[in-house]
N, C-alpha and C. Protein backbone atom coordinates (compact mmCIF):
# COMPACT_ATOMS: atom_id res chain seq x y z
N MET A 1 12.21 6.80 6.04
CA MET A 1 10.88 6.51 6.52
C MET A 1 10.91 5.15 7.23
N ALA A 2 10.50 5.15 8.45
CA ALA A 2 10.53 3.93 9.25
C ALA A 2 9.35 3.03 8.88
N LEU A 3 9.60 1.74 8.95
CA LEU A 3 8.55 0.77 8.64
C LEU A 3 7.76 0.46 9.90
N ARG A 4 6.50 0.12 9.69
CA ARG A 4 5.67 -0.31 10.80
C ARG A 4 6.05 -1.74 11.17
N GLU A 5 5.61 -2.14 12.35
CA GLU A 5 5.94 -3.47 12.85
C GLU A 5 5.38 -4.55 11.92
N TYR A 6 4.17 -4.36 11.43
CA TYR A 6 3.57 -5.33 10.52
C TYR A 6 4.40 -5.45 9.24
N GLU A 7 4.83 -4.33 8.70
CA GLU A 7 5.64 -4.34 7.48
C GLU A 7 6.97 -5.04 7.70
N ARG A 8 7.56 -4.82 8.87
CA ARG A 8 8.82 -5.50 9.18
C ARG A 8 8.63 -7.01 9.25
N ARG A 9 7.53 -7.45 9.85
CA ARG A 9 7.28 -8.90 9.93
C ARG A 9 7.06 -9.50 8.55
N VAL A 10 6.34 -8.80 7.70
CA VAL A 10 6.10 -9.30 6.34
C VAL A 10 7.42 -9.41 5.58
N LEU A 11 8.26 -8.38 5.69
CA LEU A 11 9.55 -8.43 5.00
C LEU A 11 10.44 -9.54 5.55
N ALA A 12 10.41 -9.76 6.85
CA ALA A 12 11.20 -10.85 7.44
C ALA A 12 10.69 -12.20 6.95
N GLU A 13 9.38 -12.33 6.81
CA GLU A 13 8.82 -13.59 6.31
C GLU A 13 9.22 -13.81 4.85
N ILE A 14 9.19 -12.76 4.04
CA ILE A 14 9.60 -12.88 2.64
C ILE A 14 11.07 -13.26 2.56
N GLU A 15 11.90 -12.64 3.39
CA GLU A 15 13.33 -12.96 3.39
C GLU A 15 13.57 -14.41 3.81
N HIS A 16 12.82 -14.88 4.79
CA HIS A 16 12.95 -16.27 5.26
C HIS A 16 12.56 -17.25 4.14
N ARG A 17 11.46 -16.97 3.45
CA ARG A 17 11.03 -17.85 2.36
C ARG A 17 12.03 -17.84 1.21
N LEU A 18 12.59 -16.67 0.93
CA LEU A 18 13.58 -16.57 -0.14
C LEU A 18 14.82 -17.39 0.20
N SER A 19 15.25 -17.31 1.47
CA SER A 19 16.44 -18.08 1.84
C SER A 19 16.18 -19.58 1.79
N GLU A 20 14.93 -20.01 1.98
CA GLU A 20 14.60 -21.44 1.85
C GLU A 20 14.54 -21.84 0.38
N ASP A 21 13.91 -20.99 -0.46
CA ASP A 21 13.72 -21.33 -1.87
C ASP A 21 15.01 -21.22 -2.69
N ASP A 22 15.75 -20.15 -2.50
CA ASP A 22 16.95 -19.91 -3.29
C ASP A 22 18.05 -19.36 -2.38
N PRO A 23 18.81 -20.25 -1.72
CA PRO A 23 19.82 -19.78 -0.78
C PRO A 23 20.94 -18.99 -1.44
N ASP A 24 21.27 -19.29 -2.70
CA ASP A 24 22.33 -18.54 -3.38
C ASP A 24 21.93 -17.08 -3.58
N LEU A 25 20.70 -16.87 -4.06
CA LEU A 25 20.23 -15.51 -4.27
C LEU A 25 20.10 -14.77 -2.93
N ALA A 26 19.62 -15.46 -1.91
CA ALA A 26 19.50 -14.83 -0.59
C ALA A 26 20.87 -14.42 -0.06
N GLY A 27 21.88 -15.27 -0.25
CA GLY A 27 23.23 -14.91 0.18
C GLY A 27 23.77 -13.72 -0.58
N TYR A 28 23.53 -13.69 -1.90
CA TYR A 28 23.97 -12.56 -2.71
C TYR A 28 23.29 -11.26 -2.23
N LEU A 29 22.00 -11.32 -1.98
CA LEU A 29 21.27 -10.12 -1.53
C LEU A 29 21.75 -9.67 -0.16
N ARG A 30 22.11 -10.60 0.72
CA ARG A 30 22.63 -10.23 2.04
C ARG A 30 23.94 -9.47 1.91
N THR A 31 24.83 -9.94 1.02
CA THR A 31 26.11 -9.25 0.84
C THR A 31 25.90 -7.90 0.14
N PHE A 32 24.95 -7.85 -0.75
CA PHE A 32 24.65 -6.59 -1.44
C PHE A 32 24.11 -5.57 -0.44
N ASN A 33 23.23 -6.00 0.46
CA ASN A 33 22.63 -5.10 1.43
C ASN A 33 23.63 -4.70 2.50
N ALA A 34 24.63 -5.52 2.77
CA ALA A 34 25.61 -5.21 3.80
C ALA A 34 26.46 -4.01 3.41
N GLU A 35 26.61 -3.76 2.11
CA GLU A 35 27.42 -2.64 1.65
C GLU A 35 26.72 -1.30 1.84
N ALA A 36 25.40 -1.32 1.78
CA ALA A 36 24.65 -0.07 1.89
C ALA A 36 24.46 0.28 3.36
N PRO A 37 24.82 1.50 3.75
CA PRO A 37 24.61 1.89 5.15
C PRO A 37 23.12 2.11 5.42
N THR A 38 22.73 1.76 6.59
CA THR A 38 21.33 1.95 6.99
C THR A 38 21.16 3.38 7.46
N PRO A 39 20.20 4.10 6.88
CA PRO A 39 20.00 5.49 7.32
C PRO A 39 19.44 5.51 8.74
N PRO A 40 19.83 6.48 9.51
CA PRO A 40 19.31 6.55 10.88
C PRO A 40 17.83 6.90 10.86
N GLU A 41 17.09 6.33 11.80
CA GLU A 41 15.67 6.61 11.88
C GLU A 41 15.49 7.98 12.52
N PRO A 42 14.53 8.74 12.03
CA PRO A 42 14.31 10.06 12.63
C PRO A 42 13.78 9.90 14.06
N PRO A 43 14.14 10.80 14.93
CA PRO A 43 13.66 10.69 16.31
C PRO A 43 12.16 10.92 16.37
N GLU A 44 11.52 10.20 17.26
CA GLU A 44 10.07 10.35 17.43
C GLU A 44 9.81 11.69 18.10
N ARG A 45 8.82 12.39 17.61
CA ARG A 45 8.46 13.68 18.18
C ARG A 45 7.19 13.51 18.99
N PRO A 46 7.30 13.43 20.30
CA PRO A 46 6.10 13.24 21.11
C PRO A 46 5.24 14.50 21.13
N GLY A 47 3.96 14.30 21.29
CA GLY A 47 3.04 15.42 21.42
C GLY A 47 2.44 15.90 20.12
N LEU A 48 2.73 15.26 19.01
CA LEU A 48 2.16 15.71 17.74
C LEU A 48 0.77 15.14 17.50
N GLY A 49 0.33 14.21 18.32
CA GLY A 49 -0.97 13.59 18.10
C GLY A 49 -2.14 14.52 18.36
N TRP A 50 -1.95 15.57 19.13
CA TRP A 50 -3.06 16.43 19.49
C TRP A 50 -3.30 17.52 18.45
N ARG A 51 -2.33 17.86 17.65
CA ARG A 51 -2.46 19.00 16.75
C ARG A 51 -3.59 18.87 15.74
N PRO A 52 -3.74 17.76 15.05
CA PRO A 52 -4.86 17.69 14.11
C PRO A 52 -6.21 17.85 14.81
N TRP A 53 -6.35 17.29 15.99
CA TRP A 53 -7.63 17.40 16.71
C TRP A 53 -7.85 18.83 17.17
N ALA A 54 -6.80 19.50 17.58
CA ALA A 54 -6.94 20.88 18.02
C ALA A 54 -7.33 21.78 16.85
N VAL A 55 -6.73 21.57 15.70
CA VAL A 55 -7.05 22.37 14.52
C VAL A 55 -8.50 22.13 14.11
N CYS A 56 -8.94 20.88 14.09
CA CYS A 56 -10.33 20.58 13.74
C CYS A 56 -11.29 21.21 14.73
N GLY A 57 -10.94 21.18 16.00
CA GLY A 57 -11.79 21.80 17.02
C GLY A 57 -11.89 23.30 16.83
N LEU A 58 -10.77 23.94 16.55
CA LEU A 58 -10.79 25.39 16.34
C LEU A 58 -11.58 25.77 15.10
N VAL A 59 -11.44 25.02 14.04
CA VAL A 59 -12.19 25.29 12.81
C VAL A 59 -13.68 25.10 13.07
N SER A 60 -14.04 24.05 13.80
CA SER A 60 -15.45 23.81 14.13
C SER A 60 -16.03 24.95 14.95
N LEU A 61 -15.28 25.42 15.95
CA LEU A 61 -15.76 26.54 16.76
C LEU A 61 -15.93 27.81 15.92
N ALA A 62 -15.02 28.04 15.00
CA ALA A 62 -15.12 29.22 14.14
C ALA A 62 -16.34 29.14 13.24
N VAL A 63 -16.62 27.97 12.70
CA VAL A 63 -17.80 27.81 11.82
C VAL A 63 -19.08 28.00 12.63
N ILE A 64 -19.14 27.44 13.82
CA ILE A 64 -20.33 27.60 14.66
C ILE A 64 -20.52 29.07 15.03
N ALA A 65 -19.44 29.77 15.37
CA ALA A 65 -19.53 31.18 15.72
C ALA A 65 -20.03 32.01 14.53
N LEU A 66 -19.54 31.71 13.33
CA LEU A 66 -20.00 32.44 12.15
C LEU A 66 -21.47 32.16 11.85
N LEU A 67 -21.90 30.92 12.01
CA LEU A 67 -23.31 30.59 11.79
C LEU A 67 -24.21 31.30 12.80
N LEU A 68 -23.80 31.32 14.06
CA LEU A 68 -24.59 32.03 15.07
C LEU A 68 -24.65 33.52 14.77
N ALA A 69 -23.53 34.10 14.35
CA ALA A 69 -23.53 35.52 14.00
C ALA A 69 -24.44 35.79 12.81
N LEU A 70 -24.48 34.90 11.85
CA LEU A 70 -25.36 35.05 10.70
C LEU A 70 -26.82 34.96 11.10
N ILE A 71 -27.14 34.04 11.97
CA ILE A 71 -28.53 33.88 12.42
C ILE A 71 -28.97 35.09 13.23
N VAL A 72 -28.12 35.57 14.11
CA VAL A 72 -28.48 36.70 14.96
C VAL A 72 -28.65 37.98 14.15
N THR A 73 -27.82 38.18 13.14
CA THR A 73 -27.87 39.43 12.38
C THR A 73 -28.75 39.35 11.14
N ALA A 74 -29.40 38.23 10.88
CA ALA A 74 -30.25 38.12 9.69
C ALA A 74 -31.47 39.05 9.83
N PRO A 75 -31.76 39.90 8.82
CA PRO A 75 -32.83 40.88 8.95
C PRO A 75 -34.23 40.26 8.94
N GLY A 76 -34.44 39.15 8.32
CA GLY A 76 -35.78 38.58 8.21
C GLY A 76 -36.24 37.84 9.44
N LEU A 77 -35.44 37.69 10.43
CA LEU A 77 -35.81 36.91 11.60
C LEU A 77 -36.12 37.76 12.83
N ARG A 78 -36.16 39.06 12.68
CA ARG A 78 -36.45 39.93 13.82
C ARG A 78 -37.94 39.91 14.12
N GLU A 79 -38.27 40.10 15.38
CA GLU A 79 -39.68 40.11 15.78
C GLU A 79 -40.30 41.46 15.44
N VAL A 80 -41.61 41.43 15.12
CA VAL A 80 -42.36 42.64 14.80
C VAL A 80 -42.91 43.19 16.11
N PRO A 81 -42.79 44.48 16.35
CA PRO A 81 -43.32 45.05 17.59
C PRO A 81 -44.82 44.82 17.73
N ALA A 82 -45.28 44.65 18.96
CA ALA A 82 -46.71 44.39 19.20
C ALA A 82 -47.54 45.58 18.78
N GLY A 83 -48.73 45.33 18.25
CA GLY A 83 -49.66 46.38 17.88
C GLY A 83 -49.53 46.82 16.44
N THR A 84 -48.52 46.44 15.73
CA THR A 84 -48.38 46.86 14.34
C THR A 84 -49.02 45.85 13.40
N GLY A 85 -49.39 44.70 13.89
CA GLY A 85 -50.05 43.71 13.07
C GLY A 85 -49.08 42.86 12.27
N GLY A 86 -47.93 43.29 12.09
CA GLY A 86 -46.93 42.49 11.39
C GLY A 86 -47.25 42.26 9.94
N GLY A 87 -48.10 43.11 9.35
CA GLY A 87 -48.41 42.97 7.93
C GLY A 87 -49.46 41.90 7.64
N THR A 88 -50.20 41.49 8.68
CA THR A 88 -51.22 40.45 8.46
C THR A 88 -52.61 40.98 8.81
N GLU A 89 -52.83 42.26 8.59
CA GLU A 89 -54.14 42.86 8.91
C GLU A 89 -55.17 42.44 7.88
N THR A 90 -56.43 42.29 8.36
CA THR A 90 -57.52 41.95 7.46
C THR A 90 -58.19 43.25 7.03
N VAL A 91 -58.39 43.41 5.74
CA VAL A 91 -59.01 44.63 5.21
C VAL A 91 -60.39 44.27 4.70
N ALA A 92 -61.40 44.97 5.20
CA ALA A 92 -62.79 44.74 4.77
C ALA A 92 -63.08 45.60 3.54
N PRO A 93 -63.90 45.11 2.62
CA PRO A 93 -64.24 45.93 1.44
C PRO A 93 -65.06 47.14 1.84
N ALA A 94 -64.94 48.20 1.09
CA ALA A 94 -65.68 49.42 1.36
C ALA A 94 -67.18 49.18 1.15
N PRO A 95 -68.05 49.84 1.91
CA PRO A 95 -69.49 49.64 1.74
C PRO A 95 -69.93 50.09 0.34
N GLY A 96 -70.77 49.33 -0.25
CA GLY A 96 -71.31 49.63 -1.56
C GLY A 96 -70.47 49.09 -2.70
N VAL A 97 -69.34 48.47 -2.41
CA VAL A 97 -68.50 47.91 -3.46
C VAL A 97 -68.79 46.42 -3.51
N GLY A 98 -69.06 45.91 -4.68
CA GLY A 98 -69.13 44.50 -4.93
C GLY A 98 -70.36 43.85 -4.61
């Protein structure tokens, strides 16, 4: 795993302070680290920055499409044909009642 530039600077600063404070320990650590081979950094893969945005965009479009389909096919939102009253007719009491 490659370090970021900020992390590299912090580690270089720590190493510099260590070599000032305790040169013997810093020398020992330098020889210890020289024996370990440095692993190669993985090659950068260009073009991967767009994938998360593309996936989020596709998921958003799918959710919007499903919501629109739900709204269009919902049975309670259809219009009532003209002349049927839509169930809001006023009923007058029969003569002689009440």
